[in-house]
C-alpha atoms as a PDB file:
ATOM      1  CA  MET A   1     124.280  79.668  96.510  1.00  0.00           C
ATOM      2  CA  HIS A   2     120.578  80.516  96.108  1.00  0.00           C
ATOM      3  CA  ARG A   3     119.966  83.380  93.730  1.00  0.00           C
ATOM      4  CA  ASN A   4     117.248  85.784  94.831  1.00  0.00           C
ATOM      5  CA  LYS A   5     114.784  86.121  91.964  1.00  0.00           C
ATOM      6  CA  THR A   6     113.322  89.351  93.389  1.00  0.00           C
ATOM      7  CA  VAL A   7     116.115  91.573  92.020  1.00  0.00           C
ATOM      8  CA  PRO A   8     114.448  92.928  88.889  1.00  0.00           C
ATOM      9  CA  GLN A   9     115.854  91.518  85.671  1.00  0.00           C
ATOM     10  CA  THR A  10     115.369  94.921  84.003  1.00  0.00           C
ATOM     11  CA  ASP A  11     117.860  96.458  86.454  1.00  0.00           C
ATOM     12  CA  GLU A  12     120.395  93.821  85.495  1.00  0.00           C
ATOM     13  CA  LEU A  13     119.802  94.491  81.804  1.00  0.00           C
ATOM     14  CA  GLY A  14     119.972  98.222  82.436  1.00  0.00           C
ATOM     15  CA  LEU A  15     123.246  97.772  84.287  1.00  0.00           C
ATOM     16  CA  ALA A  16     124.680  95.678  81.457  1.00  0.00           C
ATOM     17  CA  ALA A  17     123.641  98.298  78.895  1.00  0.00           C
ATOM     18  CA  ARG A  18     125.121 101.125  80.990  1.00  0.00           C
ATOM     19  CA  MET A  19     128.375  99.211  81.398  1.00  0.00           C
ATOM     20  CA  GLU A  20     128.545  98.552  77.673  1.00  0.00           C
ATOM     21  CA  ASP A  21     127.986 102.280  77.018  1.00  0.00           C
ATOM     22  CA  ARG A  22     130.779 103.137  79.453  1.00  0.00           C
ATOM     23  CA  ILE A  23     133.130 100.719  77.705  1.00  0.00           C
ATOM     24  CA  GLU A  24     132.314 102.235  74.302  1.00  0.00           C
ATOM     25  CA  ALA A  25     132.836 105.760  75.643  1.00  0.00           C
ATOM     26  CA  PHE A  26     136.104 104.666  77.223  1.00  0.00           C
ATOM     27  CA  ALA A  27     137.341 103.192  73.947  1.00  0.00           C
ATOM     28  CA  CYS A  28     136.672 106.524  72.188  1.00  0.00           C
ATOM     29  CA  ALA A  29     138.140 108.766  74.920  1.00  0.00           C
ATOM     30  CA  GLU A  30     141.837 109.343  74.398  1.00  0.00           C
ATOM     31  CA  ALA A  31     142.361 111.134  77.718  1.00  0.00           C
ATOM     32  CA  GLU A  32     140.977 108.303  79.896  1.00  0.00           C
ATOM     33  CA  ASN A  33     142.985 105.334  81.099  1.00  0.00           C
ATOM     34  CA  LEU A  34     141.931 101.941  82.427  1.00  0.00           C
ATOM     35  CA  ARG A  35     141.594 103.339  85.962  1.00  0.00           C
ATOM     36  CA  HIS A  36     138.796 105.661  84.768  1.00  0.00           C
ATOM     37  CA  LEU A  37     136.903 102.692  83.348  1.00  0.00           C
ATOM     38  CA  GLU A  38     137.434 100.622  86.516  1.00  0.00           C
ATOM     39  CA  ASP A  39     136.088 103.447  88.703  1.00  0.00           C
ATOM     40  CA  GLN A  40     132.995 103.912  86.545  1.00  0.00           C
ATOM     41  CA  LEU A  41     132.218 100.191  86.394  1.00  0.00           C
ATOM     42  CA  ALA A  42     132.782  99.791  90.136  1.00  0.00           C
ATOM     43  CA  ALA A  43     130.331 102.646  90.860  1.00  0.00           C
ATOM     44  CA  GLU A  44     127.670 101.001  88.694  1.00  0.00           C
ATOM     45  CA  GLY A  45     128.235  97.647  90.410  1.00  0.00           C
ATOM     46  CA  ARG A  46     128.082  99.172  93.910  1.00  0.00           C
ATOM     47  CA  GLU A  47     124.743 100.794  93.087  1.00  0.00           C
ATOM     48  CA  LEU A  48     123.285  97.451  92.037  1.00  0.00           C
ATOM     49  CA  LEU A  49     124.634  95.857  95.239  1.00  0.00           C
ATOM     50  CA  ARG A  50     123.189  98.727  97.319  1.00  0.00           C
ATOM     51  CA  GLN A  51     119.768  98.195  95.721  1.00  0.00           C
ATOM     52  CA  ALA A  52     119.971  94.447  96.392  1.00  0.00           C
ATOM     53  CA  ALA A  53     120.945  95.061 100.047  1.00  0.00           C
ATOM     54  CA  GLU A  54     118.042  97.483 100.449  1.00  0.00           C
ATOM     55  CA  LEU A  55     115.619  94.980  98.935  1.00  0.00           C
ATOM     56  CA  GLY A  56     116.886  92.204 101.211  1.00  0.00           C
ATOM     57  CA  ALA A  57     116.670  94.378 104.327  1.00  0.00           C
ATOM     58  CA  GLN A  58     113.130  95.451 103.391  1.00  0.00           C
ATOM     59  CA  LYS A  59     112.006  91.846 102.899  1.00  0.00           C
ATOM     60  CA  LYS A  60     113.531  90.888 106.268  1.00  0.00           C
ATOM     61  CA  ALA A  61     111.704  93.781 107.955  1.00  0.00           C
ATOM     62  CA  GLU A  62     108.418  92.751 106.358  1.00  0.00           C
ATOM     63  CA  ALA A  63     108.903  89.136 107.466  1.00  0.00           C
ATOM     64  CA  THR A  64     109.602  90.141 111.070  1.00  0.00           C
ATOM     65  CA  PRO A  65     106.401  90.994 112.936  1.00  0.00           C
ATOM     66  CA  PRO A  66     106.505  94.183 115.022  1.00  0.00           C
ATOM     67  CA  ARG A  67     106.827  93.463 118.753  1.00  0.00           C
ATOM     68  CA  CYS A  68     106.517  95.492 121.918  1.00  0.00           C
ATOM     69  CA  PRO A  69     110.016  96.648 122.901  1.00  0.00           C
ATOM     70  CA  TYR A  70     109.274  95.899 126.584  1.00  0.00           C
ATOM     71  CA  CYS A  71     107.285  92.659 126.784  1.00  0.00           C
ATOM     72  CA  GLN A  72     107.979  91.316 123.240  1.00  0.00           C
ATOM     73  CA  ARG A  73     104.305  90.569 122.550  1.00  0.00           C
ATOM     74  CA  ALA A  74     103.136  90.944 118.941  1.00  0.00           C
ATOM     75  CA  LEU A  75     101.647  94.358 118.216  1.00  0.00           C
ATOM     76  CA  THR A  76      98.071  94.571 116.992  1.00  0.00           C
ATOM     77  CA  ARG A  77      97.357  98.281 116.344  1.00  0.00           C
ATOM     78  CA  LEU A  78      99.807  99.414 113.719  1.00  0.00           C
ATOM     79  CA  SER A  79     100.613 102.584 111.801  1.00  0.00           C
ATOM     80  CA  ALA A  80     102.577 102.899 108.580  1.00  0.00           C
ATOM     81  CA  GLY A  81     105.186 105.295 107.307  1.00  0.00           C
ATOM     82  CA  HIS A  82     108.132 104.689 109.630  1.00  0.00           C
ATOM     83  CA  GLU A  83     111.498 104.497 107.928  1.00  0.00           C
ATOM     84  CA  ARG A  84     115.086 104.188 108.995  1.00  0.00           C
ATOM     85  CA  THR A  85     118.270 104.703 107.021  1.00  0.00           C
ATOM     86  CA  PHE A  86     121.338 102.520 107.502  1.00  0.00           C
ATOM     87  CA  VAL A  87     124.846 102.915 106.136  1.00  0.00           C
ATOM     88  CA  THR A  88     126.120  99.701 104.558  1.00  0.00           C
ATOM     89  CA  GLY A  89     129.289  98.813 102.729  1.00  0.00           C
ATOM     90  CA  PHE A  90     127.447  99.579  99.484  1.00  0.00           C
ATOM     91  CA  GLY A  91     125.949 102.914 100.569  1.00  0.00           C
ATOM     92  CA  GLU A  92     122.856 104.120 102.407  1.00  0.00           C
ATOM     93  CA  ILE A  93     119.709 101.994 102.386  1.00  0.00           C
ATOM     94  CA  THR A  94     116.272 102.870 103.739  1.00  0.00           C
ATOM     95  CA  VAL A  95     113.908 100.351 105.342  1.00  0.00           C
ATOM     96  CA  ARG A  96     110.243 101.146 105.906  1.00  0.00           C
ATOM     97  CA  ARG A  97     108.434  99.521 108.818  1.00  0.00           C
ATOM     98  CA  THR A  98     104.947  99.429 110.216  1.00  0.00           C
ATOM     99  CA  ARG A  99     104.839 100.334 113.902  1.00  0.00           C
ATOM    100  CA  ILE A 100     102.473 100.991 116.707  1.00  0.00           C
ATOM    101  CA  SER A 101     102.281 104.685 117.535  1.00  0.00           C
ATOM    102  CA  ARG A 102     102.388 105.076 121.321  1.00  0.00           C
ATOM    103  CA  ARG A 103     104.523 106.962 123.764  1.00  0.00           C
ATOM    104  CA  ARG A 104     106.809 105.123 126.174  1.00  0.00           C
ATOM    105  CA  SER A 105     104.539 105.758 129.164  1.00  0.00           C
ATOM    106  CA  THR A 106     101.678 104.096 127.298  1.00  0.00           C
ATOM    107  CA  TRP A 107     103.892 101.115 126.466  1.00  0.00           C
ATOM    108  CA  LEU A 108     104.845 100.606 130.100  1.00  0.00           C
ATOM    109  CA  ARG A 109     101.308 100.951 131.395  1.00  0.00           C
ATOM    110  CA  LEU A 110      99.985  98.427 128.862  1.00  0.00           C
ATOM    111  CA  CYS A 111     102.842  95.962 129.361  1.00  0.00           C
ATOM    112  CA  LEU A 112     102.672  96.051 133.155  1.00  0.00           C
ATOM    113  CA  SER A 113      98.915  95.512 133.296  1.00  0.00           C
END
């Protein structure tokens, strides 16, 4: 399996350090059992997976050129700042896209001409 090099190595090191801290805290906490440690480690792992899913979705969006929703031609006049949030198995991710800013009536008139 190809490993994506774009996931920042510092996040991985940060995750490893946070997990090590959790393990040390767990070892010192008399009131916690193994289930507490499992839950904490799973939450840390899910966050890393959520960040990786968000990064992958963003790269896919950037690699896909914006197209007219009616005629599917490539768009030429674009505006930035459009984002959409999705719920994934790892949590919510947000993808930012560049879009053309026109109303539907303008789309239809341009596509039908």
